[in-house]
Every structure is written in structure tokens, then in C-alpha cells.
Amino acid sequence: MQEDFVKYMTTLYNNPLFKKGFQDFSQMMQEQGIKAAMKAWEMSPEKNKLFDKAPAFFEQMFEFYSNLGFVHKSKYDEVVKENEELKKENEFLRDTIQKLNLKVFAEGSGKVQDAWKETIDKQLNMSQEITRNFLDFFTEMGKNYKKK
């Protein structure tokens, strides 16, 4: 029985909709409960008789819940908004870097192509010159051979 309950609660808490809703509800309930309790203590004519340090106590409770990770909804919304802005800025920066990389690559590959073309042209010129030299050599040899 207890294992089934634990399994059910684990499954329920792993559901993202329940998790978000439960956390929002729990936070709202605690904040409103603290505020209502502080108002009740402040309005009570016997506040000093029962517990004269109640407002300080509630401040400590609020601090305790803050230390547990509970934050005010407005602060949470502010952080979420900042996070979204940072994601957009990060995406912009990534796009810019990618464009710069492509530009550098295009310029670099153009220079490599030019260097390759120059190298091929030099090799062709050298090959033509060697061919001419061989042709001249064999022509001279042929003339000398006919003379004998």
C-alpha cells in the first residue's frame, strides 16, 4: 500500500504541469499565509500579551522560506524575463560569430585557391619549358645524327 502511494506521488510530482502548479500554489499559500498572520498579529489588541516579537518571528519565517529557495513571484518573473533576454542575446552572438567564421573561411579559401592557381600555372610553365628543352635537345641530336 505504501509503495503504491510513493510510486503514485513520484509519478505525479514528475509531471511538469503538476510540478509547476504545485510549486506556484505552495509558494503563494506560504506568502499569503505569512502576510495574513502578520496582519492578524498587528491588528490583535493582545499582540504584546501573547507574543510580543511576532512580527520579527514572521520576518524570520519569511527569511527561512527564502533560504529554502522560495522567492516572490515578481522576482521569479523578473529572472525568467532576464533569462529570455540573455537567450536572445546569446543566439544573436552565435549567429554573428557563425557569419564571421563563414566570411573568414570564404576569404581564406579564396586566397588558397589563388595560391593553388599560381602553383599550377608555374608547374605548367615549367613543364612547357622542359618539353621545349627536350624537343630542342632531340632536334639537335637528330641533326647531329644525320651529319654522321
Protein backbone atom coordinates (compact mmCIF):
# COMPACT_ATOMS: atom_id res chain seq x y z
CA MET A 1 0.00 0.00 0.00
CA GLN A 2 2.70 2.49 1.00
CA GLU A 3 4.86 1.55 -2.01
CA ASP A 4 1.92 2.22 -4.34
CA PHE A 5 1.37 5.60 -2.70
CA VAL A 6 5.04 6.54 -3.03
CA LYS A 7 5.03 5.42 -6.67
CA TYR A 8 1.85 7.44 -7.33
CA MET A 9 3.29 10.56 -5.68
CA THR A 10 6.59 10.19 -7.57
CA THR A 11 4.75 9.85 -10.88
CA LEU A 12 2.53 12.81 -10.03
CA TYR A 13 5.43 15.02 -8.96
CA ASN A 14 7.41 14.13 -12.12
CA ASN A 15 4.58 15.55 -14.22
CA PRO A 16 5.83 19.03 -15.27
CA LEU A 17 2.37 20.62 -15.12
CA PHE A 18 1.72 19.38 -11.60
CA LYS A 19 5.24 20.27 -10.50
CA LYS A 20 4.94 23.88 -11.69
CA GLY A 21 1.39 24.25 -10.40
CA PHE A 22 2.23 22.74 -7.03
CA GLN A 23 5.29 24.92 -6.57
CA ASP A 24 3.34 28.05 -7.53
CA PHE A 25 0.47 27.09 -5.22
CA SER A 26 2.78 26.24 -2.33
CA GLN A 27 4.71 29.48 -2.70
CA MET A 28 1.57 31.58 -2.99
CA MET A 29 -0.01 29.83 0.00
CA GLN A 30 3.07 30.40 2.17
CA GLU A 31 3.45 34.06 1.18
CA GLN A 32 -0.22 34.81 1.74
CA GLY A 33 -0.19 32.86 5.00
CA ILE A 34 2.77 34.85 6.32
CA LYS A 35 1.19 38.16 5.29
CA ALA A 36 -2.17 37.22 6.82
CA ALA A 37 -0.54 36.09 10.05
CA MET A 38 1.47 39.31 10.29
CA LYS A 39 -1.70 41.38 9.78
CA ALA A 40 -3.57 39.31 12.36
CA TRP A 41 -0.82 39.84 14.94
CA GLU A 42 -0.60 43.56 14.20
CA MET A 43 -4.38 44.03 14.49
CA SER A 44 -4.75 41.98 17.65
CA PRO A 45 -5.19 44.09 20.83
CA GLU A 46 -3.40 41.38 22.73
CA LYS A 47 -0.40 41.17 20.43
CA ASN A 48 2.01 42.29 23.13
CA LYS A 49 0.50 39.97 25.73
CA LEU A 50 0.67 36.78 23.71
CA PHE A 51 3.85 37.09 21.78
CA ASP A 52 5.47 40.49 21.59
CA LYS A 53 8.03 39.51 18.96
CA ALA A 54 5.57 38.11 16.44
CA PRO A 55 6.46 40.48 13.55
CA ALA A 56 10.14 39.62 13.95
CA PHE A 57 9.19 35.96 14.10
CA PHE A 58 7.28 36.24 10.83
CA GLU A 59 10.22 38.04 9.25
CA GLN A 60 12.42 35.13 10.29
CA MET A 61 9.89 32.69 8.83
CA PHE A 62 9.93 34.64 5.57
CA GLU A 63 13.74 34.55 5.58
CA PHE A 64 13.66 30.81 6.34
CA TYR A 65 11.45 30.11 3.33
CA SER A 66 13.63 32.36 1.19
CA ASN A 67 16.66 30.31 2.21
CA LEU A 68 14.81 27.17 1.13
CA GLY A 69 14.59 28.62 -2.34
CA PHE A 70 11.14 30.13 -2.31
CA VAL A 71 11.13 33.52 -3.98
CA HIS A 72 8.49 36.10 -4.61
CA LYS A 73 6.60 35.65 -7.88
CA SER A 74 7.62 39.08 -9.17
CA LYS A 75 11.29 38.29 -8.59
CA TYR A 76 10.86 34.93 -10.31
CA ASP A 77 9.17 36.61 -13.29
CA GLU A 78 11.97 39.17 -13.44
CA VAL A 79 14.61 36.43 -13.54
CA VAL A 80 12.68 34.50 -16.21
CA LYS A 81 12.43 37.66 -18.32
CA GLU A 82 16.17 38.33 -17.92
CA ASN A 83 16.87 34.70 -18.84
CA GLU A 84 14.84 35.05 -22.05
CA GLU A 85 16.68 38.26 -22.94
CA LEU A 86 20.03 36.56 -22.34
CA LYS A 87 18.97 33.63 -24.54
CA LYS A 88 18.08 36.05 -27.36
CA GLU A 89 21.39 37.88 -26.93
CA ASN A 90 23.27 34.58 -26.88
CA GLU A 91 21.55 33.49 -30.10
CA PHE A 92 22.41 36.83 -31.74
CA LEU A 93 26.06 36.46 -30.71
CA ARG A 94 26.21 32.88 -32.01
CA ASP A 95 24.74 33.98 -35.35
CA THR A 96 27.25 36.82 -35.56
CA ILE A 97 30.18 34.51 -34.83
CA GLN A 98 28.92 32.00 -37.39
CA LYS A 99 28.65 34.74 -40.05
CA LEU A 100 32.15 35.95 -39.22
CA ASN A 101 33.52 32.41 -39.44
CA LEU A 102 31.90 31.94 -42.84
CA LYS A 103 33.32 35.25 -44.06
CA VAL A 104 36.82 34.39 -42.84
CA PHE A 105 36.53 30.92 -44.38
CA ALA A 106 35.37 32.39 -47.71
CA GLU A 107 38.24 34.89 -47.74
CA GLY A 108 40.75 32.24 -46.69
CA SER A 109 39.52 29.73 -49.25
CA GLY A 110 39.77 32.42 -51.95
CA LYS A 111 43.40 33.00 -51.01
CA VAL A 112 44.09 29.26 -51.04
CA GLN A 113 42.50 28.98 -54.50
CA ASP A 114 44.65 31.86 -55.77
CA ALA A 115 47.82 30.26 -54.35
CA TRP A 116 46.84 26.91 -55.86
CA LYS A 117 46.24 28.52 -59.28
CA GLU A 118 49.63 30.26 -59.14
CA THR A 119 51.32 26.97 -58.26
CA ILE A 120 49.59 25.12 -61.12
CA ASP A 121 50.47 27.93 -63.57
CA LYS A 122 54.15 27.78 -62.52
CA GLN A 123 54.17 23.99 -62.93
CA LEU A 124 52.59 24.30 -66.39
CA ASN A 125 55.17 26.88 -67.43
CA MET A 126 58.00 24.70 -66.15
CA SER A 127 56.56 21.65 -67.93
CA GLN A 128 56.31 23.60 -71.20
CA GLU A 129 59.89 24.80 -70.82
CA ILE A 130 61.16 21.29 -70.07
CA THR A 131 59.22 19.99 -73.06
CA ARG A 132 60.77 22.69 -75.30
CA ASN A 133 64.24 21.88 -73.96
CA PHE A 134 63.74 18.14 -74.66
CA LEU A 135 62.38 18.94 -78.10
CA ASP A 136 65.36 21.20 -78.83
CA PHE A 137 67.73 18.56 -77.48
CA PHE A 138 66.25 15.79 -79.58
CA THR A 139 66.14 18.05 -82.63
CA GLU A 140 69.86 18.84 -82.18
CA MET A 141 70.60 15.17 -81.65
CA GLY A 142 68.70 14.33 -84.81
CA LYS A 143 70.64 16.90 -86.81
CA ASN A 144 73.94 15.64 -85.41
CA TYR A 145 72.94 12.03 -86.13
CA LYS A 146 72.12 12.83 -89.78
CA LYS A 147 75.51 14.55 -90.22
CA LYS A 148 77.40 11.40 -89.33
